[in-house]
Amino acid sequence: MAKQQYEQLSPEWFQPAPPNVGEQEKINRPSLTFWQDAWLRLRENKAAIVGLVMIIILTLMAIIAPMASDRTYKDQNLRHAKLPPKIPVLEHIHWLPFDGRDANGVDVYKQRGVKEYYWFGTDDLGRDLWVRTWYGTRISLYIGLLAALIDLLIGIAYGGISGYYGGRVDNVMQRIIEILNGIPYLIMVILFILIFEPGIISITLAMVITGWTTMARIVRGQVLKLKNMEYVLAARTLGAPTSRLIFKHLIPNVIGPIIITTMFTIPSAIFTEAFLSFIGLGIRPPEASLGSLVNDGYKSIQTYPHLMIIPAVVISLLILSFNLVADGIRDALDPKMRK
């Protein structure tokens, strides 16, 4: 039976199909660069996108809000001291804390005859907390970005040179890093601020004293792994100078870990500045940062909780947003995370 079925099969059915060269050479999917592929995977990370949007909103508010107000961060009006938040329209929704009433339910604005609106209330000197909060956000962002930029430059140069030369140079440079890491970070920062006058530059430099060591170690490890690759040996054989090998061939190939480390450095620097300001070693009055605002509000947390809660919420959103974006970038730049 099987033999009869086999004999009924026509040899014409088994002729090879003519090759379609056009279909074989056709690209069904557009080719993507490394960064295009990373951006597509970053967009699929909803948490990272939420964090990115939040960073943009907070940054715009820090830039626009102080300039759009007719008050400045240091204008004082003792008659308007310690007013609770009051926002138009939202003041009629009594379950929201924006109706101008204190903890006892008293309409402080009506009691004092204040007709102005203070969206975030005022502090103990009558300064507008709305302007001071966003001005403090601007200062915190500035310090965080400046510290991260300095860490980036020092860490890349130090780690790149240490990893590329290796041997005795690497041993000496790594012992220097170990000595710096052996000194307690907080003690070094406090001593630096006590020696120099407290301010934005001194706080930034204090955080940078040992902050660049993490970046340097990451860059060194990557350079040690890549410096014996074929394309580096080929460039060296063709006579490329050391500076070109480091900054044109090695550093661009470790840009992923560099970006990730920088994104985690920014929230760390913001938190460090807030901590220093909270213990009284940060920004001096009448300047404001989120840490100094939290410190001022902590003294009146039981009677006027809005003085501490509002800047604490802003700094928490800021740090959380940067961490979400950093996590998303880490996953997007990691080839192992591809589905």
Protein backbone atom coordinates (compact mmCIF):
# COMPACT_ATOMS: atom_id res chain seq x y z
CA MET A 1 0.00 0.00 0.00
CA ALA A 2 2.79 2.39 0.93
CA LYS A 3 4.59 1.47 -2.28
CA GLN A 4 1.53 2.36 -4.38
CA GLN A 5 1.18 5.75 -2.66
CA TYR A 6 4.85 6.40 -3.27
CA GLU A 7 4.48 5.60 -6.97
CA GLN A 8 1.55 8.07 -7.23
CA LEU A 9 3.76 10.99 -6.10
CA SER A 10 4.90 13.01 -9.08
CA PRO A 11 8.58 14.01 -9.28
CA GLU A 12 7.41 17.46 -10.42
CA TRP A 13 6.23 18.14 -6.89
CA PHE A 14 9.79 18.00 -5.61
CA GLN A 15 11.41 20.50 -7.96
CA PRO A 16 13.47 23.20 -6.11
CA ALA A 17 11.86 26.60 -6.00
CA PRO A 18 13.62 29.30 -7.97
CA PRO A 19 15.71 31.54 -5.71
CA ASN A 20 14.24 34.99 -5.05
CA VAL A 21 17.30 37.14 -4.64
CA GLY A 22 15.26 40.29 -4.05
CA GLU A 23 13.45 38.85 -1.04
CA GLN A 24 16.66 37.47 0.44
CA GLU A 25 18.39 40.84 0.34
CA LYS A 26 15.35 42.79 1.56
CA ILE A 27 15.62 44.22 5.07
CA ASN A 28 12.34 43.50 6.82
CA ARG A 29 13.24 45.52 9.93
CA PRO A 30 15.20 48.78 10.00
CA SER A 31 18.59 48.47 11.63
CA LEU A 32 19.02 50.36 14.90
CA THR A 33 22.12 51.79 16.50
CA PHE A 34 23.02 50.93 20.08
CA TRP A 35 21.60 54.19 21.41
CA GLN A 36 18.39 53.93 19.36
CA ASP A 37 17.80 50.45 20.70
CA ALA A 38 18.52 51.65 24.25
CA TRP A 39 16.04 54.52 23.85
CA LEU A 40 13.33 52.15 22.63
CA ARG A 41 13.83 49.90 25.65
CA LEU A 42 13.92 52.92 27.97
CA ARG A 43 10.56 54.09 26.61
CA GLU A 44 9.06 50.72 27.49
CA ASN A 45 10.05 51.22 31.13
CA LYS A 46 7.04 53.06 32.55
CA ALA A 47 8.69 53.81 35.88
CA ALA A 48 11.67 55.44 34.16
CA ILE A 49 9.40 57.56 31.96
CA VAL A 50 7.40 58.68 35.01
CA GLY A 51 10.65 59.61 36.72
CA LEU A 52 11.86 61.50 33.64
CA VAL A 53 8.60 63.46 33.39
CA MET A 54 8.77 64.27 37.10
CA ILE A 55 12.35 65.54 36.75
CA ILE A 56 11.33 67.77 33.85
CA ILE A 57 8.36 69.18 35.79
CA LEU A 58 10.41 69.84 38.94
CA THR A 59 13.20 71.44 36.92
CA LEU A 60 10.79 73.72 35.05
CA MET A 61 9.12 74.72 38.31
CA ALA A 62 12.51 75.46 39.86
CA ILE A 63 13.37 77.73 36.92
CA ILE A 64 10.02 79.41 36.25
CA ALA A 65 8.22 79.63 39.61
CA PRO A 66 10.66 82.01 41.41
CA MET A 67 10.80 84.31 38.37
CA ALA A 68 7.02 84.32 37.86
CA SER A 69 6.29 85.47 41.42
CA ASP A 70 6.36 89.11 42.52
CA ARG A 71 8.05 88.03 45.77
CA THR A 72 11.62 86.87 46.27
CA TYR A 73 12.98 84.10 48.46
CA LYS A 74 14.24 86.62 51.07
CA ASP A 75 11.34 89.12 51.30
CA GLN A 76 10.07 89.24 54.90
CA ASN A 77 6.66 90.27 56.23
CA LEU A 78 6.25 89.49 59.91
CA ARG A 79 2.53 90.28 59.75
CA HIS A 80 2.14 87.29 57.41
CA ALA A 81 4.35 84.93 59.45
CA LYS A 82 3.43 81.22 59.61
CA LEU A 83 0.40 81.33 57.36
CA PRO A 84 -0.91 77.92 56.24
CA PRO A 85 -1.18 77.08 52.52
CA LYS A 86 -4.06 78.64 50.59
CA ILE A 87 -4.66 78.08 46.88
CA PRO A 88 -7.50 79.61 44.79
CA VAL A 89 -10.29 77.16 43.85
CA LEU A 90 -8.76 74.44 46.03
CA GLU A 91 -9.59 76.53 49.11
CA HIS A 92 -13.24 75.52 48.74
CA ILE A 93 -12.39 71.81 49.03
CA HIS A 94 -12.13 71.60 52.80
CA TRP A 95 -10.67 68.09 52.98
CA LEU A 96 -7.59 69.38 51.18
CA PRO A 97 -4.97 71.25 53.26
CA PHE A 98 -5.12 74.35 51.03
CA ASP A 99 -8.00 76.29 52.61
CA GLY A 100 -5.89 78.59 54.79
CA ARG A 101 -6.88 76.95 58.10
CA ASP A 102 -4.46 75.92 60.81
CA ALA A 103 -4.42 72.69 62.82
CA ASN A 104 -7.25 74.00 65.02
CA GLY A 105 -9.52 74.74 62.06
CA VAL A 106 -9.15 78.53 62.32
CA ASP A 107 -9.07 80.54 59.09
CA VAL A 108 -5.81 82.40 59.75
CA TYR A 109 -6.12 84.55 56.61
CA LYS A 110 -9.51 85.86 57.69
CA GLN A 111 -8.39 86.31 61.27
CA ARG A 112 -5.41 88.48 60.26
CA GLY A 113 -7.13 90.20 57.37
CA VAL A 114 -4.71 88.83 54.78
CA LYS A 115 -6.12 88.99 51.25
CA GLU A 116 -3.08 87.56 49.45
CA TYR A 117 -2.69 83.90 48.63
CA TYR A 118 0.35 81.92 49.73
CA TRP A 119 0.17 78.58 47.92
CA PHE A 120 2.63 76.86 50.26
CA GLY A 121 2.14 79.19 53.20
CA THR A 122 4.85 81.26 54.89
CA ASP A 123 7.64 80.60 57.38
CA ASP A 124 8.31 82.18 60.77
CA LEU A 125 9.63 85.38 59.14
CA GLY A 126 6.73 85.74 56.70
CA ARG A 127 8.70 84.63 53.64
CA ASP A 128 6.76 82.99 50.83
CA LEU A 129 7.35 79.25 51.12
CA TRP A 130 6.25 78.68 47.49
CA VAL A 131 9.13 80.81 46.17
CA ARG A 132 11.60 79.50 48.74
CA THR A 133 10.74 75.86 47.98
CA TRP A 134 11.31 76.18 44.24
CA TYR A 135 14.35 78.37 44.74
CA GLY A 136 15.72 75.71 47.11
CA THR A 137 14.96 73.06 44.48
CA ARG A 138 17.01 75.06 42.00
CA ILE A 139 19.95 75.22 44.44
CA SER A 140 19.72 71.48 45.21
CA LEU A 141 19.61 70.60 41.51
CA TYR A 142 22.53 72.90 40.79
CA ILE A 143 24.67 71.35 43.54
CA GLY A 144 23.71 67.80 42.49
CA LEU A 145 24.52 68.39 38.81
CA LEU A 146 27.73 70.29 39.56
CA ALA A 147 29.01 67.60 41.94
CA ALA A 148 28.14 64.87 39.42
CA LEU A 149 29.91 66.76 36.61
CA ILE A 150 33.10 67.22 38.65
CA ASP A 151 33.00 63.55 39.73
CA LEU A 152 32.57 62.61 36.08
CA LEU A 153 35.57 64.58 34.84
CA ILE A 154 37.97 63.59 37.63
CA GLY A 155 36.81 59.97 37.75
CA ILE A 156 37.13 59.42 33.99
CA ALA A 157 40.60 60.96 33.77
CA TYR A 158 41.95 59.25 36.90
CA GLY A 159 40.41 55.84 36.21
CA GLY A 160 41.31 55.91 32.53
CA ILE A 161 44.98 56.67 33.19
CA SER A 162 45.20 54.14 36.04
CA GLY A 163 43.63 51.33 34.04
CA TYR A 164 45.50 52.04 30.81
CA TYR A 165 49.04 52.23 32.19
CA GLY A 166 48.62 49.54 34.86
CA GLY A 167 51.64 48.20 36.71
CA ARG A 168 53.33 50.52 39.19
CA VAL A 169 51.29 53.55 38.10
CA ASP A 170 48.07 51.68 38.74
CA ASN A 171 49.27 50.45 42.14
CA VAL A 172 50.20 53.94 43.32
CA MET A 173 46.97 55.51 42.06
CA GLN A 174 44.81 52.81 43.62
CA ARG A 175 46.59 53.16 46.98
CA ILE A 176 45.69 56.86 46.91
CA ILE A 177 42.04 55.94 46.38
CA GLU A 178 42.18 53.45 49.24
CA ILE A 179 43.62 56.12 51.56
CA LEU A 180 40.84 58.55 50.63
CA ASN A 181 38.18 55.88 51.13
CA GLY A 182 39.71 54.96 54.49
CA ILE A 183 38.92 58.42 55.89
CA PRO A 184 35.25 58.70 57.00
CA TYR A 185 33.42 60.62 54.30
CA LEU A 186 31.22 62.67 56.62
CA ILE A 187 34.14 63.76 58.81
CA MET A 188 36.11 64.91 55.78
CA VAL A 189 33.17 66.88 54.41
CA ILE A 190 32.43 68.54 57.76
CA LEU A 191 36.09 69.53 58.25
CA PHE A 192 36.27 70.95 54.74
CA ILE A 193 33.13 73.06 55.27
CA LEU A 194 34.36 74.27 58.67
CA ILE A 195 37.67 75.42 57.16
CA PHE A 196 36.10 77.23 54.21
CA GLU A 197 33.10 79.54 54.24
CA PRO A 198 29.86 77.56 53.77
CA GLY A 199 28.31 78.05 50.35
CA ILE A 200 27.41 76.33 47.11
CA ILE A 201 31.00 76.00 45.87
CA SER A 202 32.44 74.85 49.20
CA ILE A 203 29.68 72.25 49.67
CA THR A 204 30.20 70.96 46.14
CA LEU A 205 33.97 70.71 46.56
CA ALA A 206 33.51 69.01 49.93
CA MET A 207 31.35 66.32 48.33
CA VAL A 208 33.81 65.89 45.46
CA ILE A 209 36.82 65.20 47.73
CA THR A 210 36.13 61.47 47.74
CA GLY A 211 33.01 61.27 45.60
CA TRP A 212 34.98 60.73 42.37
CA THR A 213 36.60 57.50 43.60
CA THR A 214 33.59 55.35 42.66
CA MET A 215 33.63 56.65 39.10
CA ALA A 216 37.40 56.17 38.89
CA ARG A 217 37.18 52.53 39.97
CA ILE A 218 34.42 51.74 37.49
CA VAL A 219 36.30 53.35 34.60
CA ARG A 220 39.53 51.61 35.62
CA GLY A 221 37.86 48.19 35.65
CA GLN A 222 36.33 48.73 32.22
CA VAL A 223 39.58 50.04 30.73
CA LEU A 224 41.52 47.05 32.09
CA LYS A 225 39.04 44.78 30.33
CA LEU A 226 39.08 46.62 27.01
CA LYS A 227 42.69 47.75 26.57
CA ASN A 228 43.79 44.36 25.20
CA MET A 229 40.96 44.12 22.66
CA GLU A 230 41.85 43.75 18.99
CA TYR A 231 40.75 47.20 17.87
CA VAL A 232 42.87 48.85 20.57
CA LEU A 233 45.93 46.78 19.61
CA ALA A 234 45.33 47.68 15.96
CA ALA A 235 45.17 51.40 16.76
CA ARG A 236 48.35 51.14 18.84
CA THR A 237 50.09 49.30 16.00
CA LEU A 238 49.14 52.09 13.59
CA GLY A 239 50.84 54.60 15.88
CA ALA A 240 47.89 56.15 17.73
CA PRO A 241 49.06 58.21 20.74
CA THR A 242 48.06 57.29 24.27
CA SER A 243 45.60 60.17 24.61
CA ARG A 244 43.77 59.05 21.47
CA LEU A 245 43.65 55.43 22.63
CA ILE A 246 42.12 56.45 25.96
CA PHE A 247 39.69 59.16 24.89
CA LYS A 248 38.78 57.94 21.39
CA HIS A 249 38.74 54.16 21.74
CA LEU A 250 38.45 53.17 25.39
CA ILE A 251 36.30 55.84 27.07
CA PRO A 252 33.53 55.81 24.39
CA ASN A 253 33.15 52.07 24.92
CA VAL A 254 32.59 52.48 28.66
CA ILE A 255 30.11 55.33 28.27
CA GLY A 256 27.23 53.12 29.44
CA PRO A 257 28.59 52.46 32.97
CA ILE A 258 29.68 56.11 33.13
CA ILE A 259 26.16 57.39 32.43
CA ILE A 260 24.63 54.97 34.92
CA THR A 261 27.07 55.95 37.68
CA THR A 262 26.51 59.65 36.99
CA MET A 263 22.73 59.26 37.21
CA PHE A 264 23.08 57.60 40.61
CA THR A 265 25.57 60.28 41.73
CA ILE A 266 23.08 63.15 41.24
CA PRO A 267 20.47 62.01 43.83
CA SER A 268 23.27 61.03 46.21
CA ALA A 269 24.73 64.55 45.98
CA ILE A 270 21.28 66.12 46.48
CA PHE A 271 20.70 64.02 49.57
CA THR A 272 24.17 64.83 50.95
CA GLU A 273 23.56 68.56 50.51
CA ALA A 274 20.16 68.25 52.19
CA PHE A 275 21.74 66.38 55.10
CA LEU A 276 24.49 68.97 55.54
CA SER A 277 21.94 71.79 55.42
CA PHE A 278 19.75 69.93 57.91
CA ILE A 279 22.57 69.72 60.47
CA GLY A 280 23.45 73.38 59.91
CA LEU A 281 26.55 73.01 57.72
CA GLY A 282 24.94 73.79 54.39
CA ILE A 283 23.44 76.85 52.77
CA ARG A 284 23.41 79.91 55.00
CA PRO A 285 20.33 82.17 55.42
CA PRO A 286 18.73 83.92 53.66
CA GLU A 287 19.72 81.47 50.91
CA ALA A 288 17.50 78.41 50.77
CA SER A 289 17.88 74.79 49.80
CA LEU A 290 15.52 71.89 50.35
CA GLY A 291 17.64 70.67 53.25
CA SER A 292 17.66 74.06 55.00
CA LEU A 293 13.88 74.36 54.51
CA VAL A 294 13.37 70.96 56.12
CA ASN A 295 15.61 72.05 58.98
CA ASP A 296 13.58 75.24 59.50
CA GLY A 297 10.29 73.37 59.37
CA TYR A 298 11.44 70.66 61.76
CA LYS A 299 11.45 73.16 64.62
CA SER A 300 7.69 73.79 64.21
CA ILE A 301 6.52 70.39 62.98
CA GLN A 302 3.86 69.96 65.67
CA THR A 303 2.19 73.36 65.26
CA TYR A 304 2.97 74.17 61.59
CA PRO A 305 3.65 70.83 59.84
CA HIS A 306 3.45 72.35 56.35
CA LEU A 307 6.81 74.07 56.90
CA MET A 308 8.53 70.67 56.86
CA ILE A 309 6.18 68.45 54.88
CA ILE A 310 6.20 70.48 51.64
CA PRO A 311 10.01 70.67 51.10
CA ALA A 312 10.36 67.06 52.33
CA VAL A 313 7.86 65.88 49.69
CA VAL A 314 9.68 67.83 46.95
CA ILE A 315 13.10 66.44 47.82
CA SER A 316 11.67 62.92 48.09
CA LEU A 317 10.11 63.20 44.62
CA LEU A 318 13.36 64.58 43.23
CA ILE A 319 15.55 61.78 44.59
CA LEU A 320 12.99 59.09 43.69
CA SER A 321 12.71 60.38 40.12
CA PHE A 322 16.47 60.33 39.55
CA ASN A 323 16.71 56.81 40.96
CA LEU A 324 13.88 55.58 38.69
CA VAL A 325 15.55 57.09 35.62
CA ALA A 326 18.93 55.66 36.63
CA ASP A 327 17.41 52.18 37.03
CA GLY A 328 15.73 52.51 33.63
CA ILE A 329 18.96 53.60 31.93
CA ARG A 330 20.85 50.73 33.56
CA ASP A 331 18.34 48.21 32.21
CA ALA A 332 18.25 49.86 28.78
CA LEU A 333 22.03 49.83 28.34
CA ASP A 334 22.43 46.25 29.56
CA PRO A 335 22.29 43.81 26.61
CA LYS A 336 21.35 41.00 28.99
CA MET A 337 18.03 42.75 29.72
CA ARG A 338 16.82 42.39 26.14
CA LYS A 339 13.75 40.25 25.71
